[in-house]
Amino acid sequence: MIRDRRDEDLDRLCAILTAMGHPRPGLSTDDLRGWLVGQESELSWVFDQAPVTVAPTKNVIGHAQIYRPSAEPLVHALEGTPGLTASGTLVIGRLFVRPDRHAAGVARFLLREAVRHIDAQQKQAVLELTRDAHLPWEVCARLGFVEVPSDAPDIVLMTRQE
């Protein structure tokens, strides 16, 4: 189930990121924590396999954030894409799932719920991934996401085509 991320979840999320070598291999736990909490987000969710009454758990297996575009490369890419503006979009980012759980559809579930939330805000969903993201591209394509050209060498931006 999806629930709000808690500070107690950060160690487990850092362990998952370390095992994946994501977002960049060799980052310390403090660096990974900074990457997870450094972006001011509207929502930070985890996918937890345990009942909501049990927290923190070692059953957190996925993460997603929804935030307003604020970093220059992202804003520049959005403003250069026809039909998109930074003010009219919300970004889904820091999306990752423990690789052995991909077959269970956790990434698809997190992404679909994030899109529903953004649609309810009457904003355009933009997906921001690192080039080496451990997220099957087919999952993104099935939900209508297509890649947008970007100058950022290590980032992939995808917009949702309805």
N, C-alpha and C. Protein backbone atom coordinates (compact mmCIF):
# COMPACT_ATOMS: atom_id res chain seq x y z
N MET A 1 0.82 -1.18 0.00
CA MET A 1 0.00 0.00 0.00
C MET A 1 0.87 1.25 0.00
N ILE A 2 0.32 2.33 -0.49
CA ILE A 2 1.02 3.61 -0.51
C ILE A 2 0.69 4.37 0.77
N ARG A 3 1.73 4.98 1.33
CA ARG A 3 1.53 5.86 2.48
C ARG A 3 2.56 6.97 2.40
N ASP A 4 2.36 8.01 3.20
CA ASP A 4 3.33 9.10 3.26
C ASP A 4 4.66 8.58 3.79
N ARG A 5 5.74 9.09 3.21
CA ARG A 5 7.07 8.72 3.69
C ARG A 5 7.30 9.36 5.06
N ARG A 6 7.92 8.59 5.93
CA ARG A 6 8.29 9.07 7.26
C ARG A 6 9.80 9.11 7.36
N ASP A 7 10.31 9.91 8.29
CA ASP A 7 11.76 9.97 8.49
C ASP A 7 12.32 8.58 8.80
N GLU A 8 11.54 7.77 9.49
CA GLU A 8 11.99 6.42 9.85
C GLU A 8 12.19 5.52 8.63
N ASP A 9 11.62 5.90 7.49
CA ASP A 9 11.75 5.10 6.27
C ASP A 9 13.07 5.35 5.54
N LEU A 10 13.74 6.45 5.86
CA LEU A 10 14.90 6.86 5.07
C LEU A 10 16.03 5.84 5.08
N ASP A 11 16.30 5.20 6.21
CA ASP A 11 17.37 4.20 6.24
C ASP A 11 17.07 3.05 5.28
N ARG A 12 15.85 2.58 5.28
CA ARG A 12 15.46 1.47 4.39
C ARG A 12 15.55 1.91 2.93
N LEU A 13 15.09 3.11 2.64
CA LEU A 13 15.16 3.62 1.27
C LEU A 13 16.61 3.78 0.82
N CYS A 14 17.46 4.26 1.72
CA CYS A 14 18.89 4.39 1.39
C CYS A 14 19.52 3.02 1.12
N ALA A 15 19.11 2.01 1.87
CA ALA A 15 19.63 0.66 1.65
C ALA A 15 19.21 0.14 0.27
N ILE A 16 17.98 0.42 -0.13
CA ILE A 16 17.51 0.01 -1.46
C ILE A 16 18.32 0.73 -2.54
N LEU A 17 18.49 2.04 -2.38
CA LEU A 17 19.25 2.82 -3.36
C LEU A 17 20.70 2.34 -3.45
N THR A 18 21.31 2.04 -2.32
CA THR A 18 22.69 1.55 -2.31
C THR A 18 22.79 0.23 -3.06
N ALA A 19 21.86 -0.67 -2.81
CA ALA A 19 21.87 -1.97 -3.48
C ALA A 19 21.68 -1.81 -4.99
N MET A 20 20.95 -0.78 -5.39
CA MET A 20 20.69 -0.53 -6.81
C MET A 20 21.81 0.27 -7.48
N GLY A 21 22.69 0.90 -6.67
CA GLY A 21 23.69 1.80 -7.24
C GLY A 21 23.04 3.05 -7.81
N HIS A 22 21.99 3.50 -7.17
CA HIS A 22 21.16 4.58 -7.70
C HIS A 22 21.11 5.71 -6.69
N PRO A 23 21.11 6.98 -6.98
CA PRO A 23 21.15 7.55 -8.32
C PRO A 23 22.55 7.54 -8.94
N ARG A 24 23.58 7.47 -8.10
CA ARG A 24 24.95 7.31 -8.60
C ARG A 24 25.66 6.36 -7.65
N PRO A 25 26.40 5.40 -8.19
CA PRO A 25 27.11 4.46 -7.32
C PRO A 25 28.08 5.18 -6.39
N GLY A 26 28.23 4.66 -5.18
CA GLY A 26 29.23 5.17 -4.26
C GLY A 26 28.80 6.32 -3.38
N LEU A 27 27.56 6.76 -3.47
CA LEU A 27 27.11 7.84 -2.59
C LEU A 27 26.98 7.32 -1.16
N SER A 28 27.32 8.16 -0.20
CA SER A 28 27.18 7.78 1.20
C SER A 28 25.70 7.82 1.59
N THR A 29 25.41 7.24 2.75
CA THR A 29 24.03 7.27 3.25
C THR A 29 23.56 8.70 3.44
N ASP A 30 24.44 9.57 3.94
CA ASP A 30 24.05 10.98 4.10
C ASP A 30 23.74 11.63 2.76
N ASP A 31 24.53 11.31 1.73
CA ASP A 31 24.26 11.85 0.39
C ASP A 31 22.93 11.34 -0.14
N LEU A 32 22.65 10.07 0.08
CA LEU A 32 21.38 9.50 -0.38
C LEU A 32 20.21 10.12 0.37
N ARG A 33 20.36 10.32 1.67
CA ARG A 33 19.31 11.00 2.44
C ARG A 33 19.08 12.40 1.88
N GLY A 34 20.17 13.10 1.58
CA GLY A 34 20.06 14.43 1.01
C GLY A 34 19.34 14.42 -0.32
N TRP A 35 19.62 13.41 -1.15
CA TRP A 35 18.95 13.28 -2.45
C TRP A 35 17.46 13.04 -2.25
N LEU A 36 17.10 12.23 -1.25
CA LEU A 36 15.69 11.93 -1.01
C LEU A 36 14.91 13.11 -0.44
N VAL A 37 15.52 13.87 0.43
CA VAL A 37 14.79 14.94 1.10
C VAL A 37 15.14 16.33 0.57
N GLY A 38 16.12 16.41 -0.33
CA GLY A 38 16.60 17.71 -0.81
C GLY A 38 15.61 18.45 -1.68
N GLN A 39 14.75 17.74 -2.36
CA GLN A 39 13.75 18.37 -3.22
C GLN A 39 12.51 18.66 -2.39
N GLU A 40 12.10 19.92 -2.36
CA GLU A 40 10.87 20.25 -1.64
C GLU A 40 9.70 19.67 -2.43
N SER A 41 8.98 18.77 -1.80
CA SER A 41 7.94 18.06 -2.53
C SER A 41 6.56 18.33 -1.97
N GLU A 42 5.58 18.15 -2.84
CA GLU A 42 4.19 18.20 -2.39
C GLU A 42 3.84 16.91 -1.68
N LEU A 43 4.33 15.81 -2.23
CA LEU A 43 4.08 14.49 -1.65
C LEU A 43 5.33 13.64 -1.76
N SER A 44 5.60 12.87 -0.75
CA SER A 44 6.64 11.85 -0.79
C SER A 44 5.99 10.57 -0.27
N TRP A 45 5.88 9.61 -1.16
CA TRP A 45 5.21 8.36 -0.83
C TRP A 45 6.19 7.20 -0.78
N VAL A 46 5.83 6.20 -0.01
CA VAL A 46 6.52 4.91 -0.07
C VAL A 46 5.47 3.84 -0.33
N PHE A 47 5.94 2.74 -0.90
CA PHE A 47 5.09 1.56 -1.01
C PHE A 47 5.55 0.63 0.09
N ASP A 48 4.64 0.31 0.99
CA ASP A 48 4.94 -0.51 2.16
C ASP A 48 4.10 -1.77 2.08
N GLN A 49 4.76 -2.91 2.22
CA GLN A 49 4.05 -4.19 2.16
C GLN A 49 3.39 -4.56 3.48
N ALA A 50 3.65 -3.80 4.54
CA ALA A 50 3.10 -4.11 5.86
C ALA A 50 1.83 -3.30 6.11
N PRO A 51 1.03 -3.71 7.09
CA PRO A 51 -0.16 -2.91 7.44
C PRO A 51 0.26 -1.51 7.89
N VAL A 52 -0.58 -0.53 7.64
CA VAL A 52 -0.27 0.86 7.95
C VAL A 52 -0.03 1.10 9.43
N THR A 53 -0.55 0.25 10.29
CA THR A 53 -0.38 0.45 11.73
C THR A 53 1.01 0.07 12.22
N VAL A 54 1.79 -0.58 11.38
CA VAL A 54 3.13 -1.00 11.76
C VAL A 54 4.13 -0.07 11.09
N ALA A 55 4.86 0.72 11.88
CA ALA A 55 5.83 1.64 11.28
C ALA A 55 6.93 1.94 12.28
N PRO A 56 8.14 2.15 11.88
CA PRO A 56 8.62 1.89 10.52
C PRO A 56 8.77 0.39 10.29
N THR A 57 8.80 0.01 9.05
CA THR A 57 8.95 -1.40 8.74
C THR A 57 10.13 -1.61 7.82
N LYS A 58 10.53 -2.84 7.71
CA LYS A 58 11.56 -3.19 6.73
C LYS A 58 10.90 -3.67 5.45
N ASN A 59 9.62 -3.38 5.31
CA ASN A 59 8.86 -3.82 4.15
C ASN A 59 8.62 -2.70 3.15
N VAL A 60 9.31 -1.57 3.30
CA VAL A 60 9.23 -0.48 2.33
C VAL A 60 10.04 -0.91 1.12
N ILE A 61 9.39 -0.93 -0.05
CA ILE A 61 10.07 -1.43 -1.24
C ILE A 61 10.04 -0.45 -2.41
N GLY A 62 9.37 0.70 -2.25
CA GLY A 62 9.30 1.65 -3.35
C GLY A 62 9.11 3.07 -2.84
N HIS A 63 9.37 4.03 -3.72
CA HIS A 63 9.32 5.45 -3.35
C HIS A 63 8.95 6.28 -4.57
N ALA A 64 8.21 7.35 -4.34
CA ALA A 64 7.90 8.33 -5.39
C ALA A 64 7.68 9.69 -4.74
N GLN A 65 8.04 10.74 -5.47
CA GLN A 65 7.78 12.10 -5.02
C GLN A 65 7.05 12.86 -6.11
N ILE A 66 6.25 13.81 -5.68
CA ILE A 66 5.60 14.74 -6.59
C ILE A 66 6.02 16.14 -6.15
N TYR A 67 6.56 16.91 -7.10
CA TYR A 67 7.05 18.25 -6.76
C TYR A 67 6.88 19.20 -7.93
N ARG A 68 6.95 20.48 -7.61
CA ARG A 68 6.89 21.52 -8.64
C ARG A 68 8.27 21.64 -9.27
N PRO A 69 8.33 21.85 -10.58
CA PRO A 69 9.64 22.01 -11.21
C PRO A 69 10.31 23.29 -10.72
N SER A 70 11.54 23.16 -10.26
CA SER A 70 12.25 24.35 -9.77
C SER A 70 13.69 24.41 -10.25
N ALA A 71 14.32 23.28 -10.50
CA ALA A 71 15.71 23.27 -10.94
C ALA A 71 15.81 23.79 -12.37
N GLU A 72 16.83 24.57 -12.65
CA GLU A 72 16.98 25.23 -13.94
C GLU A 72 16.92 24.28 -15.14
N PRO A 73 17.66 23.17 -15.17
CA PRO A 73 17.57 22.33 -16.37
C PRO A 73 16.16 21.82 -16.63
N LEU A 74 15.44 21.50 -15.57
CA LEU A 74 14.08 21.00 -15.71
C LEU A 74 13.14 22.10 -16.21
N VAL A 75 13.21 23.27 -15.60
CA VAL A 75 12.36 24.38 -16.02
C VAL A 75 12.65 24.75 -17.47
N HIS A 76 13.93 24.80 -17.84
CA HIS A 76 14.32 25.13 -19.21
C HIS A 76 13.75 24.11 -20.20
N ALA A 77 13.85 22.83 -19.88
CA ALA A 77 13.34 21.79 -20.77
C ALA A 77 11.82 21.90 -20.91
N LEU A 78 11.13 22.18 -19.82
CA LEU A 78 9.67 22.29 -19.87
C LEU A 78 9.25 23.49 -20.70
N GLU A 79 9.90 24.62 -20.47
CA GLU A 79 9.53 25.83 -21.20
C GLU A 79 9.82 25.70 -22.69
N GLY A 80 10.76 24.82 -23.06
CA GLY A 80 11.08 24.60 -24.46
C GLY A 80 10.23 23.54 -25.13
N THR A 81 9.27 22.98 -24.41
CA THR A 81 8.41 21.94 -24.95
C THR A 81 7.03 22.52 -25.23
N PRO A 82 6.56 22.45 -26.48
CA PRO A 82 5.24 23.01 -26.80
C PRO A 82 4.15 22.45 -25.90
N GLY A 83 3.32 23.34 -25.39
CA GLY A 83 2.19 22.94 -24.57
C GLY A 83 2.51 22.76 -23.09
N LEU A 84 3.77 22.93 -22.70
CA LEU A 84 4.14 22.76 -21.30
C LEU A 84 4.67 24.07 -20.72
N THR A 85 4.35 24.30 -19.47
CA THR A 85 4.93 25.40 -18.72
C THR A 85 5.29 24.87 -17.34
N ALA A 86 6.27 25.48 -16.72
CA ALA A 86 6.65 25.05 -15.38
C ALA A 86 5.49 25.22 -14.41
N SER A 87 4.72 26.28 -14.57
CA SER A 87 3.61 26.52 -13.64
C SER A 87 2.44 25.57 -13.86
N GLY A 88 2.36 24.96 -15.04
CA GLY A 88 1.24 24.06 -15.33
C GLY A 88 1.56 22.59 -15.15
N THR A 89 2.72 22.30 -14.57
CA THR A 89 3.11 20.90 -14.43
C THR A 89 3.44 20.55 -12.98
N LEU A 90 3.33 19.29 -12.70
CA LEU A 90 3.88 18.70 -11.48
C LEU A 90 4.75 17.54 -11.93
N VAL A 91 5.86 17.37 -11.24
CA VAL A 91 6.85 16.38 -11.63
C VAL A 91 6.76 15.16 -10.72
N ILE A 92 6.84 14.00 -11.34
CA ILE A 92 6.98 12.74 -10.60
C ILE A 92 8.45 12.37 -10.70
N GLY A 93 9.10 12.28 -9.58
CA GLY A 93 10.52 11.98 -9.58
C GLY A 93 10.92 11.14 -8.39
N ARG A 94 12.22 10.83 -8.34
CA ARG A 94 12.75 9.99 -7.27
C ARG A 94 11.89 8.74 -7.12
N LEU A 95 11.51 8.22 -8.29
CA LEU A 95 10.68 7.02 -8.36
C LEU A 95 11.59 5.81 -8.51
N PHE A 96 11.52 4.93 -7.54
CA PHE A 96 12.30 3.70 -7.63
C PHE A 96 11.62 2.61 -6.83
N VAL A 97 11.87 1.39 -7.25
CA VAL A 97 11.31 0.20 -6.60
C VAL A 97 12.42 -0.83 -6.53
N ARG A 98 12.46 -1.53 -5.42
CA ARG A 98 13.44 -2.61 -5.28
C ARG A 98 13.31 -3.52 -6.51
N PRO A 99 14.40 -3.77 -7.22
CA PRO A 99 14.32 -4.49 -8.50
C PRO A 99 13.61 -5.84 -8.43
N ASP A 100 13.74 -6.56 -7.35
CA ASP A 100 13.09 -7.87 -7.28
C ASP A 100 11.58 -7.76 -7.10
N ARG A 101 11.05 -6.55 -7.01
CA ARG A 101 9.61 -6.35 -6.86
C ARG A 101 8.97 -5.74 -8.11
N HIS A 102 9.75 -5.54 -9.17
CA HIS A 102 9.18 -4.97 -10.39
C HIS A 102 8.06 -5.82 -10.96
N ALA A 103 8.23 -7.12 -10.93
CA ALA A 103 7.22 -8.00 -11.51
C ALA A 103 5.88 -7.89 -10.77
N ALA A 104 5.91 -7.42 -9.54
CA ALA A 104 4.68 -7.29 -8.76
C ALA A 104 3.86 -6.06 -9.15
N GLY A 105 4.40 -5.21 -10.02
CA GLY A 105 3.66 -4.04 -10.48
C GLY A 105 3.70 -2.84 -9.54
N VAL A 106 4.64 -2.82 -8.62
CA VAL A 106 4.72 -1.74 -7.64
C VAL A 106 5.03 -0.40 -8.32
N ALA A 107 5.98 -0.40 -9.26
CA ALA A 107 6.32 0.85 -9.96
C ALA A 107 5.12 1.37 -10.73
N ARG A 108 4.44 0.49 -11.42
CA ARG A 108 3.25 0.88 -12.18
C ARG A 108 2.19 1.46 -11.24
N PHE A 109 1.99 0.84 -10.08
CA PHE A 109 1.01 1.31 -9.12
C PHE A 109 1.38 2.70 -8.59
N LEU A 110 2.64 2.89 -8.19
CA LEU A 110 3.09 4.20 -7.71
C LEU A 110 2.92 5.27 -8.78
N LEU A 111 3.32 4.95 -10.00
CA LEU A 111 3.23 5.91 -11.09
C LEU A 111 1.77 6.24 -11.41
N ARG A 112 0.93 5.23 -11.46
CA ARG A 112 -0.49 5.46 -11.76
C ARG A 112 -1.15 6.33 -10.69
N GLU A 113 -0.85 6.08 -9.42
CA GLU A 113 -1.42 6.89 -8.34
C GLU A 113 -0.90 8.32 -8.38
N ALA A 114 0.37 8.49 -8.73
CA ALA A 114 0.92 9.84 -8.86
C ALA A 114 0.21 10.60 -9.99
N VAL A 115 -0.03 9.93 -11.11
CA VAL A 115 -0.74 10.55 -12.23
C VAL A 115 -2.15 10.94 -11.80
N ARG A 116 -2.82 10.08 -11.07
CA ARG A 116 -4.18 10.41 -10.59
C ARG A 116 -4.16 11.66 -9.72
N HIS A 117 -3.18 11.74 -8.85
CA HIS A 117 -3.07 12.91 -7.97
C HIS A 117 -2.85 14.18 -8.80
N ILE A 118 -1.97 14.11 -9.78
CA ILE A 118 -1.67 15.27 -10.61
C ILE A 118 -2.88 15.65 -11.47
N ASP A 119 -3.56 14.66 -12.02
CA ASP A 119 -4.77 14.94 -12.80
C ASP A 119 -5.81 15.67 -11.94
N ALA A 120 -5.94 15.26 -10.68
CA ALA A 120 -6.90 15.91 -9.78
C ALA A 120 -6.53 17.37 -9.52
N GLN A 121 -5.25 17.70 -9.65
CA GLN A 121 -4.78 19.08 -9.49
C GLN A 121 -4.93 19.87 -10.79
N GLN A 122 -5.39 19.20 -11.85
CA GLN A 122 -5.53 19.78 -13.19
C GLN A 122 -4.20 20.33 -13.70
N LYS A 123 -3.14 19.53 -13.48
CA LYS A 123 -1.80 19.86 -13.95
C LYS A 123 -1.35 18.78 -14.93
N GLN A 124 -0.30 19.08 -15.67
CA GLN A 124 0.30 18.12 -16.59
C GLN A 124 1.35 17.31 -15.83
N ALA A 125 1.32 16.00 -15.97
CA ALA A 125 2.31 15.13 -15.31
C ALA A 125 3.57 15.05 -16.16
N VAL A 126 4.70 15.26 -15.51
CA VAL A 126 6.02 15.10 -16.13
C VAL A 126 6.80 14.13 -15.27
N LEU A 127 7.40 13.15 -15.91
CA LEU A 127 8.19 12.15 -15.21
C LEU A 127 9.66 12.48 -15.39
N GLU A 128 10.39 12.57 -14.29
CA GLU A 128 11.83 12.86 -14.32
C GLU A 128 12.57 11.63 -13.80
N LEU A 129 13.40 11.06 -14.66
CA LEU A 129 14.15 9.87 -14.30
C LEU A 129 15.63 10.07 -14.62
N THR A 130 16.49 9.37 -13.90
CA THR A 130 17.89 9.35 -14.30
C THR A 130 18.01 8.38 -15.47
N ARG A 131 19.01 8.58 -16.31
CA ARG A 131 19.18 7.72 -17.49
C ARG A 131 19.35 6.25 -17.11
N ASP A 132 19.91 6.00 -15.94
CA ASP A 132 20.13 4.61 -15.52
C ASP A 132 19.04 4.12 -14.56
N ALA A 133 17.87 4.73 -14.64
CA ALA A 133 16.77 4.36 -13.74
C ALA A 133 16.45 2.88 -13.88
N HIS A 134 16.17 2.29 -12.75
CA HIS A 134 15.80 0.87 -12.73
C HIS A 134 14.28 0.75 -12.84
N LEU A 135 13.74 1.43 -13.83
CA LEU A 135 12.30 1.42 -14.05
C LEU A 135 12.06 1.00 -15.49
N PRO A 136 11.33 -0.06 -15.69
CA PRO A 136 11.09 -0.50 -17.07
C PRO A 136 10.36 0.59 -17.87
N TRP A 137 10.92 0.94 -19.03
CA TRP A 137 10.33 1.99 -19.87
C TRP A 137 8.93 1.61 -20.32
N GLU A 138 8.66 0.31 -20.43
CA GLU A 138 7.33 -0.13 -20.85
C GLU A 138 6.26 0.33 -19.87
N VAL A 139 6.63 0.39 -18.58
CA VAL A 139 5.69 0.85 -17.56
C VAL A 139 5.29 2.29 -17.86
N CYS A 140 6.26 3.11 -18.19
CA CYS A 140 6.00 4.52 -18.50
C CYS A 140 5.16 4.65 -19.76
N ALA A 141 5.52 3.90 -20.79
CA ALA A 141 4.81 3.97 -22.07
C ALA A 141 3.36 3.53 -21.92
N ARG A 142 3.10 2.49 -21.13
CA ARG A 142 1.72 2.02 -20.95
C ARG A 142 0.83 3.07 -20.30
N LEU A 143 1.44 3.97 -19.53
CA LEU A 143 0.67 5.03 -18.90
C LEU A 143 0.68 6.32 -19.73
N GLY A 144 1.18 6.23 -20.96
CA GLY A 144 1.10 7.35 -21.89
C GLY A 144 2.28 8.32 -21.86
N PHE A 145 3.38 7.95 -21.22
CA PHE A 145 4.54 8.84 -21.15
C PHE A 145 5.43 8.66 -22.37
N VAL A 146 5.88 9.79 -22.92
CA VAL A 146 6.83 9.79 -24.03
C VAL A 146 7.98 10.72 -23.67
N GLU A 147 9.16 10.39 -24.16
CA GLU A 147 10.35 11.18 -23.83
C GLU A 147 10.31 12.54 -24.51
N VAL A 148 10.78 13.55 -23.77
CA VAL A 148 10.89 14.92 -24.25
C VAL A 148 12.38 15.22 -24.43
N PRO A 149 12.77 15.82 -25.55
CA PRO A 149 14.19 16.16 -25.72
C PRO A 149 14.67 17.07 -24.59
N SER A 150 15.87 16.80 -24.11
CA SER A 150 16.43 17.58 -23.01
C SER A 150 17.94 17.68 -23.19
N ASP A 151 18.50 18.81 -22.76
CA ASP A 151 19.95 19.00 -22.81
C ASP A 151 20.66 18.33 -21.64
N ALA A 152 19.92 17.93 -20.62
CA ALA A 152 20.53 17.31 -19.44
C ALA A 152 21.00 15.91 -19.80
N PRO A 153 22.31 15.64 -19.70
CA PRO A 153 22.85 14.35 -20.15
C PRO A 153 22.44 13.16 -19.28
N ASP A 154 22.16 13.38 -18.01
CA ASP A 154 21.88 12.25 -17.13
C ASP A 154 20.41 12.16 -16.70
N ILE A 155 19.56 13.01 -17.28
CA ILE A 155 18.14 13.03 -16.91
C ILE A 155 17.28 12.74 -18.14
N VAL A 156 16.23 11.96 -17.93
CA VAL A 156 15.23 11.70 -18.95
C VAL A 156 13.93 12.35 -18.48
N LEU A 157 13.35 13.18 -19.33
CA LEU A 157 12.05 13.77 -19.03
C LEU A 157 11.02 13.14 -19.94
N MET A 158 9.88 12.82 -19.36
CA MET A 158 8.79 12.23 -20.13
C MET A 158 7.51 12.97 -19.78
N THR A 159 6.72 13.28 -20.79
CA THR A 159 5.42 13.90 -20.55
C THR A 159 4.34 12.88 -20.85
N ARG A 160 3.22 13.10 -20.27
CA ARG A 160 2.10 12.18 -20.46
C ARG A 160 1.22 12.71 -21.58
N GLN A 161 1.04 11.89 -22.59
CA GLN A 161 0.18 12.22 -23.72
C GLN A 161 -1.18 11.58 -23.47
N GLU A 162 -2.20 12.39 -23.40
CA GLU A 162 -3.53 11.84 -23.10
C GLU A 162 -4.26 11.46 -24.36
